[in-house]
Amino acid sequence: MEREASKSLLMVQTTVDQQEQARKIARHLIEQRLAACVQIDGPIASVYVWQEELCETSEYRLTIKTLPAVRGRLLEALVAIHPYEVPEVLEVEMQVGLRSYAEWAAQQVEGG
């Protein structure tokens, strides 16, 4: 079994209301080498209050995996391209279980 990796990755999640928007954001972040991988789930059901109105919508969730070192640039790019006035942006720092995955991710983001 491969030894554990000591590197951490950052997982960032956001949602959009159209699948093509999700794909556009994913492609942009990958092309700019700000993310190693972007997964798109959906549609998912979202229930929330926006401008005093109860909303029930379908959305697509993007799970973005990147390096903590590019966090600021990733968030800037994400907010610039995101269609929502106030986008949901959630972050979790994760320890990578396999060194080979950590090395691959580092190579994808800014050439590692």
PDB file of N, CA and C in Angstrom:
ATOM      1  N   MET A   1       0.853  -1.192   0.000  1.00  0.00           N
ATOM      2  CA  MET A   1       0.000   0.000   0.000  1.00  0.00           C
ATOM      3  C   MET A   1       0.888   1.241   0.000  1.00  0.00           C
ATOM      4  N   GLU A   2       0.478   2.196  -0.745  1.00  0.00           N
ATOM      5  CA  GLU A   2       1.190   3.469  -0.870  1.00  0.00           C
ATOM      6  C   GLU A   2       1.178   4.218   0.463  1.00  0.00           C
ATOM      7  N   ARG A   3       2.291   4.864   0.790  1.00  0.00           N
ATOM      8  CA  ARG A   3       2.357   5.658   2.027  1.00  0.00           C
ATOM      9  C   ARG A   3       1.408   6.837   1.964  1.00  0.00           C
ATOM     10  N   GLU A   4       0.980   7.266   3.127  1.00  0.00           N
ATOM     11  CA  GLU A   4       0.094   8.424   3.207  1.00  0.00           C
ATOM     12  C   GLU A   4       0.799   9.683   2.741  1.00  0.00           C
ATOM     13  N   ALA A   5       0.028  10.576   2.161  1.00  0.00           N
ATOM     14  CA  ALA A   5       0.561  11.867   1.735  1.00  0.00           C
ATOM     15  C   ALA A   5       0.520  12.834   2.901  1.00  0.00           C
ATOM     16  N   SER A   6       1.446  13.769   2.906  1.00  0.00           N
ATOM     17  CA  SER A   6       1.436  14.778   3.957  1.00  0.00           C
ATOM     18  C   SER A   6       0.848  16.086   3.465  1.00  0.00           C
ATOM     19  N   LYS A   7       0.560  16.177   2.168  1.00  0.00           N
ATOM     20  CA  LYS A   7       0.037  17.413   1.611  1.00  0.00           C
ATOM     21  C   LYS A   7      -1.463  17.530   1.866  1.00  0.00           C
ATOM     22  N   SER A   8      -1.916  18.765   1.900  1.00  0.00           N
ATOM     23  CA  SER A   8      -3.352  18.990   2.035  1.00  0.00           C
ATOM     24  C   SER A   8      -3.884  19.588   0.737  1.00  0.00           C
ATOM     25  N   LEU A   9      -5.143  19.360   0.521  1.00  0.00           N
ATOM     26  CA  LEU A   9      -5.858  19.968  -0.595  1.00  0.00           C
ATOM     27  C   LEU A   9      -6.993  20.789  -0.025  1.00  0.00           C
ATOM     28  N   LEU A  10      -7.442  21.728  -0.819  1.00  0.00           N
ATOM     29  CA  LEU A  10      -8.593  22.535  -0.457  1.00  0.00           C
ATOM     30  C   LEU A  10      -9.757  22.089  -1.334  1.00  0.00           C
ATOM     31  N   MET A  11     -10.895  21.821  -0.715  1.00  0.00           N
ATOM     32  CA  MET A  11     -12.108  21.497  -1.449  1.00  0.00           C
ATOM     33  C   MET A  11     -13.042  22.703  -1.329  1.00  0.00           C
ATOM     34  N   VAL A  12     -13.439  23.245  -2.467  1.00  0.00           N
ATOM     35  CA  VAL A  12     -14.324  24.405  -2.510  1.00  0.00           C
ATOM     36  C   VAL A  12     -15.606  23.973  -3.207  1.00  0.00           C
ATOM     37  N   GLN A  13     -16.744  24.326  -2.632  1.00  0.00           N
ATOM     38  CA  GLN A  13     -18.022  24.005  -3.264  1.00  0.00           C
ATOM     39  C   GLN A  13     -18.796  25.282  -3.564  1.00  0.00           C
ATOM     40  N   THR A  14     -19.508  25.236  -4.677  1.00  0.00           N
ATOM     41  CA  THR A  14     -20.419  26.305  -5.052  1.00  0.00           C
ATOM     42  C   THR A  14     -21.570  25.690  -5.829  1.00  0.00           C
ATOM     43  N   THR A  15     -22.626  26.461  -6.068  1.00  0.00           N
ATOM     44  CA  THR A  15     -23.766  25.986  -6.846  1.00  0.00           C
ATOM     45  C   THR A  15     -24.160  27.029  -7.883  1.00  0.00           C
ATOM     46  N   VAL A  16     -24.729  26.544  -8.973  1.00  0.00           N
ATOM     47  CA  VAL A  16     -25.301  27.392 -10.021  1.00  0.00           C
ATOM     48  C   VAL A  16     -26.600  26.744 -10.484  1.00  0.00           C
ATOM     49  N   ASP A  17     -27.426  27.501 -11.197  1.00  0.00           N
ATOM     50  CA  ASP A  17     -28.739  26.955 -11.550  1.00  0.00           C
ATOM     51  C   ASP A  17     -28.821  26.289 -12.921  1.00  0.00           C
ATOM     52  N   GLN A  18     -27.744  26.319 -13.699  1.00  0.00           N
ATOM     53  CA  GLN A  18     -27.764  25.679 -15.010  1.00  0.00           C
ATOM     54  C   GLN A  18     -26.510  24.828 -15.196  1.00  0.00           C
ATOM     55  N   GLN A  19     -26.700  23.671 -15.797  1.00  0.00           N
ATOM     56  CA  GLN A  19     -25.582  22.762 -15.998  1.00  0.00           C
ATOM     57  C   GLN A  19     -24.491  23.395 -16.868  1.00  0.00           C
ATOM     58  N   GLU A  20     -24.863  24.139 -17.888  1.00  0.00           N
ATOM     59  CA  GLU A  20     -23.854  24.751 -18.754  1.00  0.00           C
ATOM     60  C   GLU A  20     -23.036  25.795 -17.997  1.00  0.00           C
ATOM     61  N   GLN A  21     -23.655  26.512 -17.049  1.00  0.00           N
ATOM     62  CA  GLN A  21     -22.900  27.441 -16.206  1.00  0.00           C
ATOM     63  C   GLN A  21     -21.854  26.677 -15.396  1.00  0.00           C
ATOM     64  N   ALA A  22     -22.263  25.540 -14.847  1.00  0.00           N
ATOM     65  CA  ALA A  22     -21.347  24.720 -14.050  1.00  0.00           C
ATOM     66  C   ALA A  22     -20.175  24.257 -14.908  1.00  0.00           C
ATOM     67  N   ARG A  23     -20.464  23.801 -16.109  1.00  0.00           N
ATOM     68  CA  ARG A  23     -19.400  23.330 -17.006  1.00  0.00           C
ATOM     69  C   ARG A  23     -18.467  24.480 -17.408  1.00  0.00           C
ATOM     70  N   LYS A  24     -19.032  25.651 -17.636  1.00  0.00           N
ATOM     71  CA  LYS A  24     -18.218  26.818 -18.009  1.00  0.00           C
ATOM     72  C   LYS A  24     -17.248  27.181 -16.882  1.00  0.00           C
ATOM     73  N   ILE A  25     -17.750  27.208 -15.658  1.00  0.00           N
ATOM     74  CA  ILE A  25     -16.905  27.517 -14.508  1.00  0.00           C
ATOM     75  C   ILE A  25     -15.822  26.451 -14.352  1.00  0.00           C
ATOM     76  N   ALA A  26     -16.205  25.183 -14.456  1.00  0.00           N
ATOM     77  CA  ALA A  26     -15.247  24.081 -14.304  1.00  0.00           C
ATOM     78  C   ALA A  26     -14.132  24.187 -15.343  1.00  0.00           C
ATOM     79  N   ARG A  27     -14.511  24.385 -16.598  1.00  0.00           N
ATOM     80  CA  ARG A  27     -13.506  24.486 -17.663  1.00  0.00           C
ATOM     81  C   ARG A  27     -12.568  25.669 -17.415  1.00  0.00           C
ATOM     82  N   HIS A  28     -13.142  26.806 -17.014  1.00  0.00           N
ATOM     83  CA  HIS A  28     -12.339  28.007 -16.769  1.00  0.00           C
ATOM     84  C   HIS A  28     -11.294  27.759 -15.670  1.00  0.00           C
ATOM     85  N   LEU A  29     -11.719  27.165 -14.563  1.00  0.00           N
ATOM     86  CA  LEU A  29     -10.801  26.931 -13.449  1.00  0.00           C
ATOM     87  C   LEU A  29      -9.707  25.929 -13.816  1.00  0.00           C
ATOM     88  N   ILE A  30     -10.061  24.915 -14.588  1.00  0.00           N
ATOM     89  CA  ILE A  30      -9.065  23.934 -15.030  1.00  0.00           C
ATOM     90  C   ILE A  30      -8.101  24.578 -16.024  1.00  0.00           C
ATOM     91  N   GLU A  31      -8.631  25.311 -16.998  1.00  0.00           N
ATOM     92  CA  GLU A  31      -7.775  25.954 -18.007  1.00  0.00           C
ATOM     93  C   GLU A  31      -6.819  26.962 -17.389  1.00  0.00           C
ATOM     94  N   GLN A  32      -7.255  27.644 -16.338  1.00  0.00           N
ATOM     95  CA  GLN A  32      -6.403  28.622 -15.654  1.00  0.00           C
ATOM     96  C   GLN A  32      -5.459  27.968 -14.643  1.00  0.00           C
ATOM     97  N   ARG A  33      -5.501  26.653 -14.542  1.00  0.00           N
ATOM     98  CA  ARG A  33      -4.684  25.864 -13.617  1.00  0.00           C
ATOM     99  C   ARG A  33      -4.905  26.289 -12.160  1.00  0.00           C
ATOM    100  N   LEU A  34      -6.156  26.618 -11.857  1.00  0.00           N
ATOM    101  CA  LEU A  34      -6.532  26.982 -10.496  1.00  0.00           C
ATOM    102  C   LEU A  34      -7.162  25.808  -9.758  1.00  0.00           C
ATOM    103  N   ALA A  35      -7.441  24.728 -10.470  1.00  0.00           N
ATOM    104  CA  ALA A  35      -8.040  23.532  -9.875  1.00  0.00           C
ATOM    105  C   ALA A  35      -7.463  22.298 -10.549  1.00  0.00           C
ATOM    106  N   ALA A  36      -7.318  21.246  -9.754  1.00  0.00           N
ATOM    107  CA  ALA A  36      -6.867  19.974 -10.303  1.00  0.00           C
ATOM    108  C   ALA A  36      -8.040  19.212 -10.902  1.00  0.00           C
ATOM    109  N   CYS A  37      -9.201  19.361 -10.304  1.00  0.00           N
ATOM    110  CA  CYS A  37     -10.384  18.619 -10.715  1.00  0.00           C
ATOM    111  C   CYS A  37     -11.622  19.383 -10.255  1.00  0.00           C
ATOM    112  N   VAL A  38     -12.663  19.346 -11.077  1.00  0.00           N
ATOM    113  CA  VAL A  38     -13.957  19.913 -10.682  1.00  0.00           C
ATOM    114  C   VAL A  38     -15.010  18.862 -10.996  1.00  0.00           C
ATOM    115  N   GLN A  39     -15.754  18.469  -9.978  1.00  0.00           N
ATOM    116  CA  GLN A  39     -16.846  17.525 -10.170  1.00  0.00           C
ATOM    117  C   GLN A  39     -18.165  18.288 -10.128  1.00  0.00           C
ATOM    118  N   ILE A  40     -19.102  17.868 -10.972  1.00  0.00           N
ATOM    119  CA  ILE A  40     -20.406  18.521 -11.057  1.00  0.00           C
ATOM    120  C   ILE A  40     -21.482  17.501 -10.697  1.00  0.00           C
ATOM    121  N   ASP A  41     -22.265  17.819  -9.679  1.00  0.00           N
ATOM    122  CA  ASP A  41     -23.391  16.976  -9.254  1.00  0.00           C
ATOM    123  C   ASP A  41     -24.683  17.697  -9.581  1.00  0.00           C
ATOM    124  N   GLY A  42     -25.706  16.932  -9.880  1.00  0.00           N
ATOM    125  CA  GLY A  42     -27.002  17.568 -10.017  1.00  0.00           C
ATOM    126  C   GLY A  42     -27.843  16.955 -11.104  1.00  0.00           C
ATOM    127  N   PRO A  43     -29.023  17.468 -11.180  1.00  0.00           N
ATOM    128  CA  PRO A  43     -29.500  18.575 -10.341  1.00  0.00           C
ATOM    129  C   PRO A  43     -29.777  18.140  -8.900  1.00  0.00           C
ATOM    130  N   ILE A  44     -29.584  19.083  -8.002  1.00  0.00           N
ATOM    131  CA  ILE A  44     -29.905  18.904  -6.595  1.00  0.00           C
ATOM    132  C   ILE A  44     -31.014  19.898  -6.246  1.00  0.00           C
ATOM    133  N   ALA A  45     -31.778  19.600  -5.220  1.00  0.00           N
ATOM    134  CA  ALA A  45     -32.839  20.500  -4.769  1.00  0.00           C
ATOM    135  C   ALA A  45     -32.275  21.442  -3.716  1.00  0.00           C
ATOM    136  N   SER A  46     -32.520  22.730  -3.866  1.00  0.00           N
ATOM    137  CA  SER A  46     -32.097  23.734  -2.889  1.00  0.00           C
ATOM    138  C   SER A  46     -33.318  24.489  -2.390  1.00  0.00           C
ATOM    139  N   VAL A  47     -33.406  24.650  -1.085  1.00  0.00           N
ATOM    140  CA  VAL A  47     -34.497  25.400  -0.459  1.00  0.00           C
ATOM    141  C   VAL A  47     -33.840  26.472   0.404  1.00  0.00           C
ATOM    142  N   TYR A  48     -34.212  27.736   0.175  1.00  0.00           N
ATOM    143  CA  TYR A  48     -33.564  28.845   0.873  1.00  0.00           C
ATOM    144  C   TYR A  48     -34.453  30.083   0.774  1.00  0.00           C
ATOM    145  N   VAL A  49     -34.100  31.111   1.539  1.00  0.00           N
ATOM    146  CA  VAL A  49     -34.792  32.396   1.464  1.00  0.00           C
ATOM    147  C   VAL A  49     -33.872  33.384   0.765  1.00  0.00           C
ATOM    148  N   TRP A  50     -34.380  34.051  -0.263  1.00  0.00           N
ATOM    149  CA  TRP A  50     -33.630  35.081  -0.980  1.00  0.00           C
ATOM    150  C   TRP A  50     -34.534  36.289  -1.141  1.00  0.00           C
ATOM    151  N   GLN A  51     -34.073  37.429  -0.651  1.00  0.00           N
ATOM    152  CA  GLN A  51     -34.823  38.684  -0.710  1.00  0.00           C
ATOM    153  C   GLN A  51     -36.245  38.503  -0.173  1.00  0.00           C
ATOM    154  N   GLU A  52     -36.298  37.908   1.024  1.00  0.00           N
ATOM    155  CA  GLU A  52     -37.545  37.716   1.773  1.00  0.00           C
ATOM    156  C   GLU A  52     -38.524  36.743   1.118  1.00  0.00           C
ATOM    157  N   GLU A  53     -38.084  35.977   0.159  1.00  0.00           N
ATOM    158  CA  GLU A  53     -38.959  35.029  -0.538  1.00  0.00           C
ATOM    159  C   GLU A  53     -38.407  33.612  -0.396  1.00  0.00           C
ATOM    160  N   LEU A  54     -39.294  32.668  -0.050  1.00  0.00           N
ATOM    161  CA  LEU A  54     -38.905  31.266   0.026  1.00  0.00           C
ATOM    162  C   LEU A  54     -38.717  30.734  -1.385  1.00  0.00           C
ATOM    163  N   CYS A  55     -37.555  30.160  -1.646  1.00  0.00           N
ATOM    164  CA  CYS A  55     -37.234  29.649  -2.983  1.00  0.00           C
ATOM    165  C   CYS A  55     -36.971  28.154  -2.911  1.00  0.00           C
ATOM    166  N   GLU A  56     -37.441  27.444  -3.903  1.00  0.00           N
ATOM    167  CA  GLU A  56     -37.134  26.027  -4.090  1.00  0.00           C
ATOM    168  C   GLU A  56     -36.693  25.881  -5.532  1.00  0.00           C
ATOM    169  N   THR A  57     -35.410  25.581  -5.715  1.00  0.00           N
ATOM    170  CA  THR A  57     -34.864  25.540  -7.064  1.00  0.00           C
ATOM    171  C   THR A  57     -34.024  24.281  -7.266  1.00  0.00           C
ATOM    172  N   SER A  58     -33.737  24.014  -8.518  1.00  0.00           N
ATOM    173  CA  SER A  58     -32.777  22.976  -8.885  1.00  0.00           C
ATOM    174  C   SER A  58     -31.444  23.664  -9.159  1.00  0.00           C
ATOM    175  N   GLU A  59     -30.383  23.076  -8.660  1.00  0.00           N
ATOM    176  CA  GLU A  59     -29.064  23.638  -8.875  1.00  0.00           C
ATOM    177  C   GLU A  59     -28.078  22.522  -9.186  1.00  0.00           C
ATOM    178  N   TYR A  60     -26.902  22.934  -9.639  1.00  0.00           N
ATOM    179  CA  TYR A  60     -25.787  22.026  -9.881  1.00  0.00           C
ATOM    180  C   TYR A  60     -24.667  22.414  -8.936  1.00  0.00           C
ATOM    181  N   ARG A  61     -24.126  21.406  -8.237  1.00  0.00           N
ATOM    182  CA  ARG A  61     -23.068  21.656  -7.256  1.00  0.00           C
ATOM    183  C   ARG A  61     -21.710  21.346  -7.882  1.00  0.00           C
ATOM    184  N   LEU A  62     -20.800  22.282  -7.749  1.00  0.00           N
ATOM    185  CA  LEU A  62     -19.428  22.089  -8.200  1.00  0.00           C
ATOM    186  C   LEU A  62     -18.564  21.822  -6.976  1.00  0.00           C
ATOM    187  N   THR A  63     -17.789  20.755  -7.027  1.00  0.00           N
ATOM    188  CA  THR A  63     -16.809  20.441  -6.000  1.00  0.00           C
ATOM    189  C   THR A  63     -15.450  20.606  -6.647  1.00  0.00           C
ATOM    190  N   ILE A  64     -14.727  21.599  -6.181  1.00  0.00           N
ATOM    191  CA  ILE A  64     -13.466  22.027  -6.789  1.00  0.00           C
ATOM    192  C   ILE A  64     -12.328  21.598  -5.873  1.00  0.00           C
ATOM    193  N   LYS A  65     -11.346  20.864  -6.427  1.00  0.00           N
ATOM    194  CA  LYS A  65     -10.190  20.456  -5.642  1.00  0.00           C
ATOM    195  C   LYS A  65      -8.970  21.221  -6.117  1.00  0.00           C
ATOM    196  N   THR A  66      -8.308  21.873  -5.161  1.00  0.00           N
ATOM    197  CA  THR A  66      -7.176  22.735  -5.489  1.00  0.00           C
ATOM    198  C   THR A  66      -6.152  22.712  -4.368  1.00  0.00           C
ATOM    199  N   LEU A  67      -5.093  23.475  -4.546  1.00  0.00           N
ATOM    200  CA  LEU A  67      -4.057  23.611  -3.520  1.00  0.00           C
ATOM    201  C   LEU A  67      -4.335  24.863  -2.682  1.00  0.00           C
ATOM    202  N   PRO A  68      -4.096  24.807  -1.384  1.00  0.00           N
ATOM    203  CA  PRO A  68      -4.292  25.989  -0.544  1.00  0.00           C
ATOM    204  C   PRO A  68      -3.514  27.211  -1.034  1.00  0.00           C
ATOM    205  N   ALA A  69      -2.384  27.002  -1.685  1.00  0.00           N
ATOM    206  CA  ALA A  69      -1.551  28.114  -2.144  1.00  0.00           C
ATOM    207  C   ALA A  69      -2.228  28.993  -3.186  1.00  0.00           C
ATOM    208  N   VAL A  70      -3.202  28.468  -3.909  1.00  0.00           N
ATOM    209  CA  VAL A  70      -3.867  29.271  -4.949  1.00  0.00           C
ATOM    210  C   VAL A  70      -5.281  29.689  -4.534  1.00  0.00           C
ATOM    211  N   ARG A  71      -5.606  29.526  -3.266  1.00  0.00           N
ATOM    212  CA  ARG A  71      -6.944  29.837  -2.767  1.00  0.00           C
ATOM    213  C   ARG A  71      -7.428  31.229  -3.175  1.00  0.00           C
ATOM    214  N   GLY A  72      -6.634  32.244  -2.927  1.00  0.00           N
ATOM    215  CA  GLY A  72      -7.042  33.621  -3.218  1.00  0.00           C
ATOM    216  C   GLY A  72      -7.346  33.835  -4.686  1.00  0.00           C
ATOM    217  N   ARG A  73      -6.482  33.339  -5.554  1.00  0.00           N
ATOM    218  CA  ARG A  73      -6.696  33.498  -6.995  1.00  0.00           C
ATOM    219  C   ARG A  73      -7.900  32.698  -7.471  1.00  0.00           C
ATOM    220  N   LEU A  74      -8.092  31.507  -6.897  1.00  0.00           N
ATOM    221  CA  LEU A  74      -9.258  30.700  -7.262  1.00  0.00           C
ATOM    222  C   LEU A  74     -10.550  31.423  -6.887  1.00  0.00           C
ATOM    223  N   LEU A  75     -10.611  31.949  -5.666  1.00  0.00           N
ATOM    224  CA  LEU A  75     -11.828  32.638  -5.223  1.00  0.00           C
ATOM    225  C   LEU A  75     -12.100  33.875  -6.069  1.00  0.00           C
ATOM    226  N   GLU A  76     -11.049  34.616  -6.412  1.00  0.00           N
ATOM    227  CA  GLU A  76     -11.214  35.781  -7.295  1.00  0.00           C
ATOM    228  C   GLU A  76     -11.809  35.377  -8.636  1.00  0.00           C
ATOM    229  N   ALA A  77     -11.246  34.341  -9.239  1.00  0.00           N
ATOM    230  CA  ALA A  77     -11.728  33.865 -10.536  1.00  0.00           C
ATOM    231  C   ALA A  77     -13.143  33.327 -10.436  1.00  0.00           C
ATOM    232  N   LEU A  78     -13.437  32.619  -9.368  1.00  0.00           N
ATOM    233  CA  LEU A  78     -14.771  32.040  -9.185  1.00  0.00           C
ATOM    234  C   LEU A  78     -15.830  33.128  -9.054  1.00  0.00           C
ATOM    235  N   VAL A  79     -15.563  34.127  -8.232  1.00  0.00           N
ATOM    236  CA  VAL A  79     -16.525  35.218  -8.047  1.00  0.00           C
ATOM    237  C   VAL A  79     -16.695  36.012  -9.340  1.00  0.00           C
ATOM    238  N   ALA A  80     -15.618  36.199 -10.093  1.00  0.00           N
ATOM    239  CA  ALA A  80     -15.688  36.971 -11.340  1.00  0.00           C
ATOM    240  C   ALA A  80     -16.555  36.289 -12.395  1.00  0.00           C
ATOM    241  N   ILE A  81     -16.533  34.967 -12.447  1.00  0.00           N
ATOM    242  CA  ILE A  81     -17.262  34.240 -13.493  1.00  0.00           C
ATOM    243  C   ILE A  81     -18.634  33.745 -13.018  1.00  0.00           C
ATOM    244  N   HIS A  82     -18.870  33.739 -11.723  1.00  0.00           N
ATOM    245  CA  HIS A  82     -20.101  33.179 -11.153  1.00  0.00           C
ATOM    246  C   HIS A  82     -21.307  34.049 -11.499  1.00  0.00           C
ATOM    247  N   PRO A  83     -22.423  33.429 -11.904  1.00  0.00           N
ATOM    248  CA  PRO A  83     -23.596  34.213 -12.297  1.00  0.00           C
ATOM    249  C   PRO A  83     -24.428  34.769 -11.130  1.00  0.00           C
ATOM    250  N   TYR A  84     -24.231  34.285  -9.923  1.00  0.00           N
ATOM    251  CA  TYR A  84     -25.054  34.721  -8.794  1.00  0.00           C
ATOM    252  C   TYR A  84     -24.519  36.021  -8.204  1.00  0.00           C
ATOM    253  N   GLU A  85     -25.436  36.836  -7.710  1.00  0.00           N
ATOM    254  CA  GLU A  85     -25.069  38.080  -7.017  1.00  0.00           C
ATOM    255  C   GLU A  85     -24.280  37.768  -5.746  1.00  0.00           C
ATOM    256  N   VAL A  86     -24.731  36.761  -5.011  1.00  0.00           N
ATOM    257  CA  VAL A  86     -24.056  36.309  -3.794  1.00  0.00           C
ATOM    258  C   VAL A  86     -23.862  34.797  -3.913  1.00  0.00           C
ATOM    259  N   PRO A  87     -22.743  34.371  -4.492  1.00  0.00           N
ATOM    260  CA  PRO A  87     -22.539  32.932  -4.660  1.00  0.00           C
ATOM    261  C   PRO A  87     -22.212  32.236  -3.350  1.00  0.00           C
ATOM    262  N   GLU A  88     -22.696  31.007  -3.238  1.00  0.00           N
ATOM    263  CA  GLU A  88     -22.290  30.150  -2.123  1.00  0.00           C
ATOM    264  C   GLU A  88     -20.874  29.679  -2.406  1.00  0.00           C
ATOM    265  N   VAL A  89     -19.982  29.886  -1.447  1.00  0.00           N
ATOM    266  CA  VAL A  89     -18.614  29.389  -1.568  1.00  0.00           C
ATOM    267  C   VAL A  89     -18.250  28.794  -0.212  1.00  0.00           C
ATOM    268  N   LEU A  90     -18.085  27.480  -0.178  1.00  0.00           N
ATOM    269  CA  LEU A  90     -17.741  26.769   1.042  1.00  0.00           C
ATOM    270  C   LEU A  90     -16.377  26.124   0.846  1.00  0.00           C
ATOM    271  N   GLU A  91     -15.561  26.132   1.890  1.00  0.00           N
ATOM    272  CA  GLU A  91     -14.210  25.568   1.799  1.00  0.00           C
ATOM    273  C   GLU A  91     -13.971  24.576   2.924  1.00  0.00           C
ATOM    274  N   VAL A  92     -13.238  23.510   2.588  1.00  0.00           N
ATOM    275  CA  VAL A  92     -12.791  22.548   3.582  1.00  0.00           C
ATOM    276  C   VAL A  92     -11.363  22.164   3.217  1.00  0.00           C
ATOM    277  N   GLU A  93     -10.450  22.266   4.175  1.00  0.00           N
ATOM    278  CA  GLU A  93      -9.090  21.796   3.942  1.00  0.00           C
ATOM    279  C   GLU A  93      -9.047  20.315   4.290  1.00  0.00           C
ATOM    280  N   MET A  94      -8.477  19.519   3.387  1.00  0.00           N
ATOM    281  CA  MET A  94      -8.472  18.073   3.551  1.00  0.00           C
ATOM    282  C   MET A  94      -7.056  17.530   3.477  1.00  0.00           C
ATOM    283  N   GLN A  95      -6.785  16.492   4.235  1.00  0.00           N
ATOM    284  CA  GLN A  95      -5.537  15.754   4.117  1.00  0.00           C
ATOM    285  C   GLN A  95      -5.728  14.724   3.015  1.00  0.00           C
ATOM    286  N   VAL A  96      -4.742  14.601   2.154  1.00  0.00           N
ATOM    287  CA  VAL A  96      -4.803  13.658   1.050  1.00  0.00           C
ATOM    288  C   VAL A  96      -4.305  12.299   1.528  1.00  0.00           C
ATOM    289  N   GLY A  97      -5.058  11.262   1.221  1.00  0.00           N
ATOM    290  CA  GLY A  97      -4.714   9.921   1.680  1.00  0.00           C
ATOM    291  C   GLY A  97      -3.611   9.259   0.882  1.00  0.00           C
ATOM    292  N   LEU A  98      -3.528   9.522  -0.408  1.00  0.00           N
ATOM    293  CA  LEU A  98      -2.526   8.872  -1.247  1.00  0.00           C
ATOM    294  C   LEU A  98      -1.560   9.899  -1.822  1.00  0.00           C
ATOM    295  N   ARG A  99      -0.281   9.633  -1.649  1.00  0.00           N
ATOM    296  CA  ARG A  99       0.734  10.543  -2.151  1.00  0.00           C
ATOM    297  C   ARG A  99       0.620  10.737  -3.666  1.00  0.00           C
ATOM    298  N   SER A 100       0.322   9.673  -4.391  1.00  0.00           N
ATOM    299  CA  SER A 100       0.237   9.788  -5.852  1.00  0.00           C
ATOM    300  C   SER A 100      -0.867  10.761  -6.271  1.00  0.00           C
ATOM    301  N   TYR A 101      -1.975  10.789  -5.544  1.00  0.00           N
ATOM    302  CA  TYR A 101      -3.046  11.744  -5.862  1.00  0.00           C
ATOM    303  C   TYR A 101      -2.600  13.167  -5.551  1.00  0.00           C
ATOM    304  N   ALA A 102      -1.935  13.347  -4.419  1.00  0.00           N
ATOM    305  CA  ALA A 102      -1.443  14.679  -4.040  1.00  0.00           C
ATOM    306  C   ALA A 102      -0.449  15.192  -5.075  1.00  0.00           C
ATOM    307  N   GLU A 103       0.433  14.322  -5.528  1.00  0.00           N
ATOM    308  CA  GLU A 103       1.410  14.716  -6.543  1.00  0.00           C
ATOM    309  C   GLU A 103       0.722  15.063  -7.861  1.00  0.00           C
ATOM    310  N   TRP A 104      -0.257  14.261  -8.250  1.00  0.00           N
ATOM    311  CA  TRP A 104      -1.012  14.539  -9.479  1.00  0.00           C
ATOM    312  C   TRP A 104      -1.706  15.898  -9.373  1.00  0.00           C
ATOM    313  N   ALA A 105      -2.385  16.156  -8.251  1.00  0.00           N
ATOM    314  CA  ALA A 105      -3.093  17.423  -8.065  1.00  0.00           C
ATOM    315  C   ALA A 105      -2.126  18.593  -8.143  1.00  0.00           C
ATOM    316  N   ALA A 106      -0.974  18.468  -7.519  1.00  0.00           N
ATOM    317  CA  ALA A 106       0.016  19.545  -7.536  1.00  0.00           C
ATOM    318  C   ALA A 106       0.505  19.808  -8.953  1.00  0.00           C
ATOM    319  N   GLN A 107       0.661  18.768  -9.753  1.00  0.00           N
ATOM    320  CA  GLN A 107       1.092  18.936 -11.148  1.00  0.00           C
ATOM    321  C   GLN A 107       0.036  19.662 -11.964  1.00  0.00           C
ATOM    322  N   GLN A 108      -1.234  19.445 -11.653  1.00  0.00           N
ATOM    323  CA  GLN A 108      -2.324  20.062 -12.421  1.00  0.00           C
ATOM    324  C   GLN A 108      -2.471  21.555 -12.109  1.00  0.00           C
ATOM    325  N   VAL A 109      -2.206  21.902 -10.853  1.00  0.00           N
ATOM    326  CA  VAL A 109      -2.360  23.294 -10.415  1.00  0.00           C
ATOM    327  C   VAL A 109      -0.988  23.957 -10.497  1.00  0.00           C
ATOM    328  N   GLU A 110      -0.829  24.802 -11.477  1.00  0.00           N
ATOM    329  CA  GLU A 110       0.407  25.556 -11.664  1.00  0.00           C
ATOM    330  C   GLU A 110       1.639  24.683 -11.859  1.00  0.00           C
ATOM    331  N   GLY A 111       1.461  23.513 -12.401  1.00  0.00           N
ATOM    332  CA  GLY A 111       2.592  22.656 -12.690  1.00  0.00           C
ATOM    333  C   GLY A 111       3.276  22.061 -11.474  1.00  0.00           C
ATOM    334  N   GLY A 112       2.626  22.210 -10.293  1.00  0.00           N
ATOM    335  CA  GLY A 112       3.089  21.575  -9.070  1.00  0.00           C
ATOM    336  C   GLY A 112       4.378  22.032  -8.539  1.00  0.00           C
TER     337      GLY A 112
END
